[in-house]
Amino acid sequence: MKLKVLGLGIGMGVVWGLMVFLATAIDILREGGMHLALLKFFYLGYDITWPGAVIGFGWAFLTALVAGVVLALIYNLFAAKA
């Protein structure tokens, strides 16, 4: 069985993007916690604000999209040999 490369990438991107967005939104609404502030070092422009949540979604989507595509390509490479 082969994986759909773009399908896995988009699926992972949406899930990870929503997780970062929702975690940031919860942090904003609760006015607490600075653990997410560490994402500033990985995602350019990210901050614990509403615009930062959107920027975080974009970066998280992009990084998970790339990770999903690479994962599917590697899986398909080994699945073809089995």
N, C-alpha and C. Protein backbone atom coordinates (compact mmCIF):
# COMPACT_ATOMS: atom_id res chain seq x y z
N MET A 1 0.84 -1.17 0.00
CA MET A 1 0.00 0.00 0.00
C MET A 1 0.89 1.24 0.00
N LYS A 2 0.59 2.16 -0.89
CA LYS A 2 1.34 3.41 -0.96
C LYS A 2 0.50 4.52 -0.35
N LEU A 3 1.20 5.47 0.23
CA LEU A 3 0.55 6.64 0.81
C LEU A 3 0.44 7.74 -0.23
N LYS A 4 -0.60 8.54 -0.12
CA LYS A 4 -0.72 9.73 -0.98
C LYS A 4 0.14 10.81 -0.34
N VAL A 5 1.16 11.20 -1.05
CA VAL A 5 2.19 12.09 -0.52
C VAL A 5 1.59 13.44 -0.11
N LEU A 6 0.92 14.09 -1.02
CA LEU A 6 0.36 15.41 -0.72
C LEU A 6 -0.77 15.32 0.30
N GLY A 7 -1.53 14.25 0.26
CA GLY A 7 -2.62 14.06 1.21
C GLY A 7 -2.11 13.98 2.64
N LEU A 8 -1.06 13.19 2.86
CA LEU A 8 -0.50 13.08 4.20
C LEU A 8 0.11 14.42 4.63
N GLY A 9 0.79 15.09 3.72
CA GLY A 9 1.39 16.38 4.05
C GLY A 9 0.36 17.42 4.45
N ILE A 10 -0.71 17.53 3.68
CA ILE A 10 -1.75 18.51 3.99
C ILE A 10 -2.47 18.14 5.29
N GLY A 11 -2.74 16.86 5.46
CA GLY A 11 -3.40 16.42 6.70
C GLY A 11 -2.57 16.74 7.93
N MET A 12 -1.29 16.43 7.88
CA MET A 12 -0.42 16.74 9.01
C MET A 12 -0.29 18.24 9.21
N GLY A 13 -0.24 18.99 8.12
CA GLY A 13 -0.12 20.44 8.22
C GLY A 13 -1.33 21.08 8.88
N VAL A 14 -2.50 20.64 8.50
CA VAL A 14 -3.73 21.20 9.08
C VAL A 14 -3.81 20.88 10.57
N VAL A 15 -3.53 19.63 10.92
CA VAL A 15 -3.62 19.22 12.33
C VAL A 15 -2.62 20.00 13.18
N TRP A 16 -1.36 20.05 12.75
CA TRP A 16 -0.35 20.75 13.54
C TRP A 16 -0.62 22.25 13.58
N GLY A 17 -1.05 22.82 12.46
CA GLY A 17 -1.37 24.25 12.44
C GLY A 17 -2.49 24.59 13.40
N LEU A 18 -3.54 23.77 13.39
CA LEU A 18 -4.66 24.02 14.32
C LEU A 18 -4.23 23.84 15.77
N MET A 19 -3.35 22.89 16.03
CA MET A 19 -2.88 22.69 17.41
C MET A 19 -2.13 23.92 17.90
N VAL A 20 -1.25 24.46 17.08
CA VAL A 20 -0.50 25.66 17.48
C VAL A 20 -1.45 26.85 17.62
N PHE A 21 -2.38 27.01 16.69
CA PHE A 21 -3.33 28.12 16.77
C PHE A 21 -4.19 28.02 18.02
N LEU A 22 -4.74 26.84 18.29
CA LEU A 22 -5.60 26.68 19.46
C LEU A 22 -4.83 26.81 20.77
N ALA A 23 -3.63 26.30 20.82
CA ALA A 23 -2.81 26.44 22.03
C ALA A 23 -2.51 27.91 22.29
N THR A 24 -2.23 28.67 21.23
CA THR A 24 -1.97 30.09 21.38
C THR A 24 -3.24 30.82 21.81
N ALA A 25 -4.38 30.48 21.21
CA ALA A 25 -5.65 31.11 21.58
C ALA A 25 -5.99 30.85 23.05
N ILE A 26 -5.79 29.63 23.50
CA ILE A 26 -6.06 29.31 24.90
C ILE A 26 -5.11 30.09 25.81
N ASP A 27 -3.86 30.20 25.40
CA ASP A 27 -2.89 30.96 26.19
C ASP A 27 -3.28 32.43 26.27
N ILE A 28 -3.78 32.99 25.17
CA ILE A 28 -4.20 34.40 25.16
C ILE A 28 -5.41 34.59 26.07
N LEU A 29 -6.38 33.72 25.95
CA LEU A 29 -7.61 33.86 26.72
C LEU A 29 -7.40 33.64 28.22
N ARG A 30 -6.50 32.76 28.58
CA ARG A 30 -6.22 32.51 30.00
C ARG A 30 -5.20 33.48 30.57
N GLU A 31 -4.58 34.26 29.71
CA GLU A 31 -3.56 35.22 30.12
C GLU A 31 -2.49 34.58 30.99
N GLY A 32 -2.02 33.44 30.56
CA GLY A 32 -1.02 32.77 31.37
C GLY A 32 -0.04 32.01 30.52
N GLY A 33 0.91 31.42 31.20
CA GLY A 33 1.87 30.53 30.55
C GLY A 33 2.72 31.20 29.49
N MET A 34 3.98 30.94 29.55
CA MET A 34 4.89 31.49 28.55
C MET A 34 5.62 30.38 27.81
N HIS A 35 5.16 29.15 27.96
CA HIS A 35 5.84 28.03 27.32
C HIS A 35 5.80 28.15 25.80
N LEU A 36 4.71 28.66 25.28
CA LEU A 36 4.59 28.81 23.83
C LEU A 36 5.51 29.89 23.28
N ALA A 37 5.98 30.77 24.15
CA ALA A 37 6.89 31.83 23.69
C ALA A 37 8.17 31.25 23.12
N LEU A 38 8.49 30.01 23.46
CA LEU A 38 9.68 29.37 22.92
C LEU A 38 9.56 29.14 21.41
N LEU A 39 8.34 29.14 20.89
CA LEU A 39 8.16 28.96 19.46
C LEU A 39 8.73 30.13 18.66
N LYS A 40 8.97 31.27 19.32
CA LYS A 40 9.57 32.42 18.65
C LYS A 40 10.92 32.05 18.02
N PHE A 41 11.60 31.12 18.65
CA PHE A 41 12.93 30.73 18.15
C PHE A 41 12.85 29.86 16.90
N PHE A 42 11.69 29.27 16.65
CA PHE A 42 11.51 28.40 15.49
C PHE A 42 10.66 29.03 14.39
N TYR A 43 9.66 29.81 14.79
CA TYR A 43 8.72 30.40 13.84
C TYR A 43 8.91 31.92 13.81
N LEU A 44 9.47 32.42 12.73
CA LEU A 44 9.73 33.85 12.57
C LEU A 44 8.42 34.64 12.64
N GLY A 45 8.35 35.62 13.51
CA GLY A 45 7.17 36.48 13.62
C GLY A 45 6.14 35.99 14.61
N TYR A 46 6.35 34.81 15.19
CA TYR A 46 5.37 34.27 16.14
C TYR A 46 5.45 35.00 17.47
N ASP A 47 4.29 35.23 18.06
CA ASP A 47 4.19 35.79 19.40
C ASP A 47 2.84 35.36 19.97
N ILE A 48 2.68 35.49 21.26
CA ILE A 48 1.42 35.08 21.88
C ILE A 48 0.43 36.24 21.78
N THR A 49 -0.04 36.46 20.56
CA THR A 49 -1.06 37.46 20.23
C THR A 49 -1.94 36.83 19.15
N TRP A 50 -3.05 37.49 18.82
CA TRP A 50 -3.91 36.94 17.77
C TRP A 50 -3.21 36.92 16.40
N PRO A 51 -2.51 37.99 16.02
CA PRO A 51 -1.76 37.88 14.76
C PRO A 51 -0.67 36.80 14.84
N GLY A 52 -0.07 36.66 16.02
CA GLY A 52 0.94 35.62 16.22
C GLY A 52 0.36 34.23 16.09
N ALA A 53 -0.89 34.07 16.50
CA ALA A 53 -1.55 32.77 16.37
C ALA A 53 -1.72 32.40 14.89
N VAL A 54 -2.06 33.40 14.07
CA VAL A 54 -2.21 33.15 12.63
C VAL A 54 -0.85 32.86 12.00
N ILE A 55 0.16 33.61 12.39
CA ILE A 55 1.52 33.36 11.89
C ILE A 55 1.99 31.98 12.33
N GLY A 56 1.70 31.62 13.57
CA GLY A 56 2.06 30.30 14.08
C GLY A 56 1.36 29.19 13.30
N PHE A 57 0.08 29.40 12.96
CA PHE A 57 -0.63 28.42 12.15
C PHE A 57 0.07 28.24 10.80
N GLY A 58 0.44 29.35 10.18
CA GLY A 58 1.10 29.26 8.87
C GLY A 58 2.41 28.51 8.93
N TRP A 59 3.26 28.86 9.89
CA TRP A 59 4.55 28.18 10.02
C TRP A 59 4.37 26.72 10.40
N ALA A 60 3.46 26.44 11.32
CA ALA A 60 3.24 25.05 11.73
C ALA A 60 2.70 24.23 10.57
N PHE A 61 1.78 24.81 9.79
CA PHE A 61 1.26 24.12 8.62
C PHE A 61 2.38 23.79 7.65
N LEU A 62 3.23 24.78 7.39
CA LEU A 62 4.32 24.60 6.42
C LEU A 62 5.31 23.52 6.89
N THR A 63 5.72 23.58 8.14
CA THR A 63 6.70 22.60 8.63
C THR A 63 6.12 21.20 8.67
N ALA A 64 4.87 21.06 9.08
CA ALA A 64 4.25 19.74 9.12
C ALA A 64 3.95 19.22 7.71
N LEU A 65 3.63 20.13 6.78
CA LEU A 65 3.43 19.73 5.39
C LEU A 65 4.71 19.10 4.84
N VAL A 66 5.83 19.77 5.05
CA VAL A 66 7.11 19.25 4.57
C VAL A 66 7.43 17.92 5.26
N ALA A 67 7.22 17.85 6.57
CA ALA A 67 7.49 16.60 7.30
C ALA A 67 6.61 15.47 6.79
N GLY A 68 5.34 15.74 6.52
CA GLY A 68 4.43 14.72 6.02
C GLY A 68 4.81 14.22 4.64
N VAL A 69 5.22 15.14 3.78
CA VAL A 69 5.63 14.76 2.42
C VAL A 69 6.88 13.89 2.49
N VAL A 70 7.84 14.29 3.28
CA VAL A 70 9.08 13.51 3.41
C VAL A 70 8.78 12.14 4.00
N LEU A 71 7.94 12.11 5.02
CA LEU A 71 7.57 10.83 5.65
C LEU A 71 6.89 9.90 4.64
N ALA A 72 5.95 10.43 3.87
CA ALA A 72 5.24 9.61 2.88
C ALA A 72 6.19 9.13 1.78
N LEU A 73 7.10 9.98 1.35
CA LEU A 73 8.05 9.57 0.32
C LEU A 73 8.96 8.44 0.82
N ILE A 74 9.43 8.57 2.04
CA ILE A 74 10.29 7.52 2.61
C ILE A 74 9.49 6.23 2.79
N TYR A 75 8.26 6.35 3.29
CA TYR A 75 7.41 5.16 3.46
C TYR A 75 7.18 4.47 2.11
N ASN A 76 6.81 5.25 1.10
CA ASN A 76 6.56 4.68 -0.22
C ASN A 76 7.80 4.03 -0.83
N LEU A 77 8.95 4.60 -0.57
CA LEU A 77 10.19 4.03 -1.04
C LEU A 77 10.41 2.62 -0.46
N PHE A 78 10.20 2.50 0.84
CA PHE A 78 10.40 1.19 1.47
C PHE A 78 9.24 0.24 1.20
N ALA A 79 8.03 0.76 1.03
CA ALA A 79 6.88 -0.10 0.73
C ALA A 79 7.00 -0.72 -0.66
N ALA A 80 7.63 -0.01 -1.57
CA ALA A 80 7.80 -0.52 -2.94
C ALA A 80 8.79 -1.68 -2.96
N LYS A 81 9.72 -1.71 -2.05
CA LYS A 81 10.73 -2.76 -2.00
C LYS A 81 10.25 -4.02 -1.30
N ALA A 82 9.17 -3.90 -0.54
CA ALA A 82 8.67 -5.05 0.22
C ALA A 82 7.75 -5.92 -0.62
